[in-house]
Amino acid sequence: MSDKRNNPSEEFDVFALIHSYEQFFGKSHTYWHKRYKNYIGTNRVHALVELDRTPLLNQKELAERLCITPGAVTAMTDDLEKKGLIEKAYSPTDKRTIELRITSEGQDLLAETLATAKVYVEEICNVLSQEEKRALFAINQKLCMHLDQFIKSK
């Protein structure tokens, strides 16, 4: 029996693809944690990025942008608020809505994290050519867009 993981001419194995993504993310997180002691987690960094781009997002909008549940975004934003990285306030136009804003401490940590991430990405991706990097990104984006359409249609 041939090893399909190493033979692309064989039938495509989606579970091998998923497993390879899981391995990559697991190993890259291990590498990241060993190199960067101020790491707060991928979703938390993405939340800070979104709040830096769009101040005064509400929790529902943030959950949609991060593709996580409203409950998960509540727990995450509570943690970010405790760390002084974001502020929460009730919307002046709708008292049922909590608006989120990144603090100056959050902006500082985000800037540090992004600078560290740039070096990190260069280190782990130096085995890929620029063309391979662009292709990898394009393929991932294409698959994510397709999955978004599939999820919304079901």
C-alpha atoms as a PDB file:
ATOM      1  CA  MET A   1       0.000   0.000   0.000  1.00  0.00           C
ATOM      2  CA  SER A   2       1.414   3.414  -0.957  1.00  0.00           C
ATOM      3  CA  ASP A   3       1.758   6.354   1.391  1.00  0.00           C
ATOM      4  CA  LYS A   4      -0.782   8.883   0.042  1.00  0.00           C
ATOM      5  CA  ARG A   5       0.690  11.705   2.129  1.00  0.00           C
ATOM      6  CA  ASN A   6       3.835  11.635   0.027  1.00  0.00           C
ATOM      7  CA  ASN A   7       2.248  10.837  -3.325  1.00  0.00           C
ATOM      8  CA  PRO A   8       0.197  13.741  -4.687  1.00  0.00           C
ATOM      9  CA  SER A   9      -0.939  11.675  -7.656  1.00  0.00           C
ATOM     10  CA  GLU A  10      -3.010   9.516  -5.301  1.00  0.00           C
ATOM     11  CA  GLU A  11      -6.543  10.464  -4.237  1.00  0.00           C
ATOM     12  CA  PHE A  12      -6.674  13.681  -2.227  1.00  0.00           C
ATOM     13  CA  ASP A  13      -6.963  13.070   1.518  1.00  0.00           C
ATOM     14  CA  VAL A  14      -8.641  16.001   3.241  1.00  0.00           C
ATOM     15  CA  PHE A  15      -7.906  14.555   6.659  1.00  0.00           C
ATOM     16  CA  ALA A  16      -4.186  14.465   5.882  1.00  0.00           C
ATOM     17  CA  LEU A  17      -4.465  18.135   4.892  1.00  0.00           C
ATOM     18  CA  ILE A  18      -6.247  19.010   8.135  1.00  0.00           C
ATOM     19  CA  HIS A  19      -3.693  17.032  10.107  1.00  0.00           C
ATOM     20  CA  SER A  20      -0.826  18.849   8.384  1.00  0.00           C
ATOM     21  CA  TYR A  21      -2.435  22.205   9.280  1.00  0.00           C
ATOM     22  CA  GLU A  22      -2.844  21.080  12.890  1.00  0.00           C
ATOM     23  CA  GLN A  23       0.798  19.968  13.018  1.00  0.00           C
ATOM     24  CA  PHE A  24       1.976  23.264  11.536  1.00  0.00           C
ATOM     25  CA  PHE A  25      -0.095  25.350  13.963  1.00  0.00           C
ATOM     26  CA  GLY A  26       0.953  23.252  16.945  1.00  0.00           C
ATOM     27  CA  LYS A  27       4.631  23.426  16.094  1.00  0.00           C
ATOM     28  CA  SER A  28       4.493  27.115  15.209  1.00  0.00           C
ATOM     29  CA  HIS A  29       2.755  27.922  18.517  1.00  0.00           C
ATOM     30  CA  THR A  30       5.414  25.977  20.424  1.00  0.00           C
ATOM     31  CA  TYR A  31       8.139  27.851  18.553  1.00  0.00           C
ATOM     32  CA  TRP A  32       6.375  31.195  19.128  1.00  0.00           C
ATOM     33  CA  HIS A  33       5.950  30.617  22.881  1.00  0.00           C
ATOM     34  CA  LYS A  34       9.633  29.734  23.253  1.00  0.00           C
ATOM     35  CA  ARG A  35      10.663  32.950  21.468  1.00  0.00           C
ATOM     36  CA  TYR A  36       8.153  35.486  22.795  1.00  0.00           C
ATOM     37  CA  LYS A  37       7.254  35.620  26.477  1.00  0.00           C
ATOM     38  CA  ASN A  38       4.598  38.377  26.138  1.00  0.00           C
ATOM     39  CA  TYR A  39       2.413  36.320  23.797  1.00  0.00           C
ATOM     40  CA  ILE A  40      -1.274  36.596  24.726  1.00  0.00           C
ATOM     41  CA  GLY A  41      -2.740  34.165  22.171  1.00  0.00           C
ATOM     42  CA  THR A  42      -3.673  34.315  18.512  1.00  0.00           C
ATOM     43  CA  ASN A  43      -7.325  35.332  18.967  1.00  0.00           C
ATOM     44  CA  ARG A  44      -6.378  38.014  21.475  1.00  0.00           C
ATOM     45  CA  VAL A  45      -3.794  39.460  19.086  1.00  0.00           C
ATOM     46  CA  HIS A  46      -6.372  39.386  16.273  1.00  0.00           C
ATOM     47  CA  ALA A  47      -8.844  41.150  18.567  1.00  0.00           C
ATOM     48  CA  LEU A  48      -6.296  43.907  19.238  1.00  0.00           C
ATOM     49  CA  VAL A  49      -5.623  44.212  15.498  1.00  0.00           C
ATOM     50  CA  GLU A  50      -9.354  44.568  14.790  1.00  0.00           C
ATOM     51  CA  LEU A  51      -9.831  47.104  17.592  1.00  0.00           C
ATOM     52  CA  ASP A  52      -6.810  49.072  16.407  1.00  0.00           C
ATOM     53  CA  ARG A  53      -8.271  49.166  12.876  1.00  0.00           C
ATOM     54  CA  THR A  54     -11.850  49.850  13.942  1.00  0.00           C
ATOM     55  CA  PRO A  55     -12.291  51.527  17.321  1.00  0.00           C
ATOM     56  CA  LEU A  56     -15.600  51.054  19.123  1.00  0.00           C
ATOM     57  CA  LEU A  57     -16.506  47.651  17.752  1.00  0.00           C
ATOM     58  CA  ASN A  58     -19.165  45.900  19.744  1.00  0.00           C
ATOM     59  CA  GLN A  59     -18.689  42.356  20.978  1.00  0.00           C
ATOM     60  CA  LYS A  60     -20.975  40.843  18.347  1.00  0.00           C
ATOM     61  CA  GLU A  61     -19.030  42.504  15.517  1.00  0.00           C
ATOM     62  CA  LEU A  62     -15.740  41.393  17.024  1.00  0.00           C
ATOM     63  CA  ALA A  63     -16.996  37.802  17.367  1.00  0.00           C
ATOM     64  CA  GLU A  64     -18.006  37.804  13.687  1.00  0.00           C
ATOM     65  CA  ARG A  65     -14.639  39.185  12.570  1.00  0.00           C
ATOM     66  CA  LEU A  66     -12.748  36.601  14.620  1.00  0.00           C
ATOM     67  CA  CYS A  67     -15.109  33.743  13.692  1.00  0.00           C
ATOM     68  CA  ILE A  68     -15.676  32.832  17.335  1.00  0.00           C
ATOM     69  CA  THR A  69     -18.794  32.564  19.459  1.00  0.00           C
ATOM     70  CA  PRO A  70     -20.193  35.532  21.386  1.00  0.00           C
ATOM     71  CA  GLY A  71     -19.470  33.656  24.628  1.00  0.00           C
ATOM     72  CA  ALA A  72     -15.835  33.166  23.649  1.00  0.00           C
ATOM     73  CA  VAL A  73     -15.474  36.837  22.754  1.00  0.00           C
ATOM     74  CA  THR A  74     -16.941  37.839  26.128  1.00  0.00           C
ATOM     75  CA  ALA A  75     -14.426  35.696  28.009  1.00  0.00           C
ATOM     76  CA  MET A  76     -11.576  36.958  25.839  1.00  0.00           C
ATOM     77  CA  THR A  77     -12.513  40.631  26.162  1.00  0.00           C
ATOM     78  CA  ASP A  78     -12.930  40.257  29.931  1.00  0.00           C
ATOM     79  CA  ASP A  79      -9.346  38.964  30.040  1.00  0.00           C
ATOM     80  CA  LEU A  80      -8.035  41.734  27.763  1.00  0.00           C
ATOM     81  CA  GLU A  81      -9.789  44.318  29.914  1.00  0.00           C
ATOM     82  CA  LYS A  82      -8.267  42.876  33.122  1.00  0.00           C
ATOM     83  CA  LYS A  83      -4.833  43.140  31.510  1.00  0.00           C
ATOM     84  CA  GLY A  84      -5.499  46.791  30.639  1.00  0.00           C
ATOM     85  CA  LEU A  85      -5.258  46.160  26.893  1.00  0.00           C
ATOM     86  CA  ILE A  86      -8.822  47.205  26.032  1.00  0.00           C
ATOM     87  CA  GLU A  87     -11.615  49.253  27.563  1.00  0.00           C
ATOM     88  CA  LYS A  88     -15.315  48.440  27.557  1.00  0.00           C
ATOM     89  CA  ALA A  89     -18.086  50.998  27.666  1.00  0.00           C
ATOM     90  CA  TYR A  90     -21.809  50.975  27.013  1.00  0.00           C
ATOM     91  CA  SER A  91     -22.764  52.545  23.701  1.00  0.00           C
ATOM     92  CA  PRO A  92     -24.220  56.029  24.131  1.00  0.00           C
ATOM     93  CA  THR A  93     -26.853  55.175  21.505  1.00  0.00           C
ATOM     94  CA  ASP A  94     -27.790  51.679  22.762  1.00  0.00           C
ATOM     95  CA  LYS A  95     -27.221  50.891  26.429  1.00  0.00           C
ATOM     96  CA  ARG A  96     -27.532  47.149  25.717  1.00  0.00           C
ATOM     97  CA  THR A  97     -24.414  47.239  23.523  1.00  0.00           C
ATOM     98  CA  ILE A  98     -20.876  47.181  24.893  1.00  0.00           C
ATOM     99  CA  GLU A  99     -18.309  48.937  22.728  1.00  0.00           C
ATOM    100  CA  LEU A 100     -14.649  47.983  22.830  1.00  0.00           C
ATOM    101  CA  ARG A 101     -11.606  50.203  22.435  1.00  0.00           C
ATOM    102  CA  ILE A 102      -7.906  49.340  22.470  1.00  0.00           C
ATOM    103  CA  THR A 103      -5.891  51.168  25.138  1.00  0.00           C
ATOM    104  CA  SER A 104      -2.456  52.716  24.691  1.00  0.00           C
ATOM    105  CA  GLU A 105      -1.043  49.688  26.565  1.00  0.00           C
ATOM    106  CA  GLY A 106      -2.850  47.462  24.079  1.00  0.00           C
ATOM    107  CA  GLN A 107      -1.416  49.427  21.162  1.00  0.00           C
ATOM    108  CA  ASP A 108       2.092  49.130  22.629  1.00  0.00           C
ATOM    109  CA  LEU A 109       1.766  45.363  23.109  1.00  0.00           C
ATOM    110  CA  LEU A 110       0.294  44.999  19.617  1.00  0.00           C
ATOM    111  CA  ALA A 111       3.195  46.920  18.056  1.00  0.00           C
ATOM    112  CA  GLU A 112       5.715  44.766  19.951  1.00  0.00           C
ATOM    113  CA  THR A 113       3.870  41.573  18.991  1.00  0.00           C
ATOM    114  CA  LEU A 114       3.675  42.504  15.302  1.00  0.00           C
ATOM    115  CA  ALA A 115       7.382  43.393  15.189  1.00  0.00           C
ATOM    116  CA  THR A 116       8.252  40.065  16.822  1.00  0.00           C
ATOM    117  CA  ALA A 117       5.853  38.246  14.486  1.00  0.00           C
ATOM    118  CA  LYS A 118       7.558  39.706  11.433  1.00  0.00           C
ATOM    119  CA  VAL A 119      10.903  38.233  12.514  1.00  0.00           C
ATOM    120  CA  TYR A 120       9.181  34.965  13.460  1.00  0.00           C
ATOM    121  CA  VAL A 121       7.489  34.614  10.074  1.00  0.00           C
ATOM    122  CA  GLU A 122      10.746  35.349   8.287  1.00  0.00           C
ATOM    123  CA  GLU A 123      12.482  32.646  10.326  1.00  0.00           C
ATOM    124  CA  ILE A 124       9.917  29.916   9.797  1.00  0.00           C
ATOM    125  CA  CYS A 125       9.143  30.759   6.174  1.00  0.00           C
ATOM    126  CA  ASN A 126      12.712  31.184   4.951  1.00  0.00           C
ATOM    127  CA  VAL A 127      12.483  27.710   3.377  1.00  0.00           C
ATOM    128  CA  LEU A 128       9.811  29.017   0.979  1.00  0.00           C
ATOM    129  CA  SER A 129      10.395  31.198  -2.059  1.00  0.00           C
ATOM    130  CA  GLN A 130       8.379  34.415  -2.444  1.00  0.00           C
ATOM    131  CA  GLU A 131       6.274  32.639  -5.063  1.00  0.00           C
ATOM    132  CA  GLU A 132       5.572  29.747  -2.669  1.00  0.00           C
ATOM    133  CA  LYS A 133       4.632  32.176   0.110  1.00  0.00           C
ATOM    134  CA  ARG A 134       2.192  33.985  -2.172  1.00  0.00           C
ATOM    135  CA  ALA A 135       0.737  30.682  -3.382  1.00  0.00           C
ATOM    136  CA  LEU A 136       0.328  29.358   0.159  1.00  0.00           C
ATOM    137  CA  PHE A 137      -1.493  32.518   1.221  1.00  0.00           C
ATOM    138  CA  ALA A 138      -3.685  32.551  -1.896  1.00  0.00           C
ATOM    139  CA  ILE A 139      -4.665  28.902  -1.478  1.00  0.00           C
ATOM    140  CA  ASN A 140      -5.522  29.393   2.198  1.00  0.00           C
ATOM    141  CA  GLN A 141      -7.598  32.496   1.389  1.00  0.00           C
ATOM    142  CA  LYS A 142      -9.414  30.649  -1.399  1.00  0.00           C
ATOM    143  CA  LEU A 143     -10.226  27.706   0.858  1.00  0.00           C
ATOM    144  CA  CYS A 144     -11.428  30.025   3.652  1.00  0.00           C
ATOM    145  CA  MET A 145     -13.705  31.939   1.273  1.00  0.00           C
ATOM    146  CA  HIS A 146     -15.114  28.666  -0.024  1.00  0.00           C
ATOM    147  CA  LEU A 147     -15.700  27.398   3.515  1.00  0.00           C
ATOM    148  CA  ASP A 148     -17.415  30.683   4.433  1.00  0.00           C
ATOM    149  CA  GLN A 149     -19.836  30.235   1.531  1.00  0.00           C
ATOM    150  CA  PHE A 150     -20.435  26.612   2.455  1.00  0.00           C
ATOM    151  CA  ILE A 151     -21.059  27.452   6.119  1.00  0.00           C
ATOM    152  CA  LYS A 152     -23.457  30.283   5.289  1.00  0.00           C
ATOM    153  CA  SER A 153     -25.448  28.086   2.899  1.00  0.00           C
ATOM    154  CA  LYS A 154     -26.051  25.303   5.436  1.00  0.00           C
END
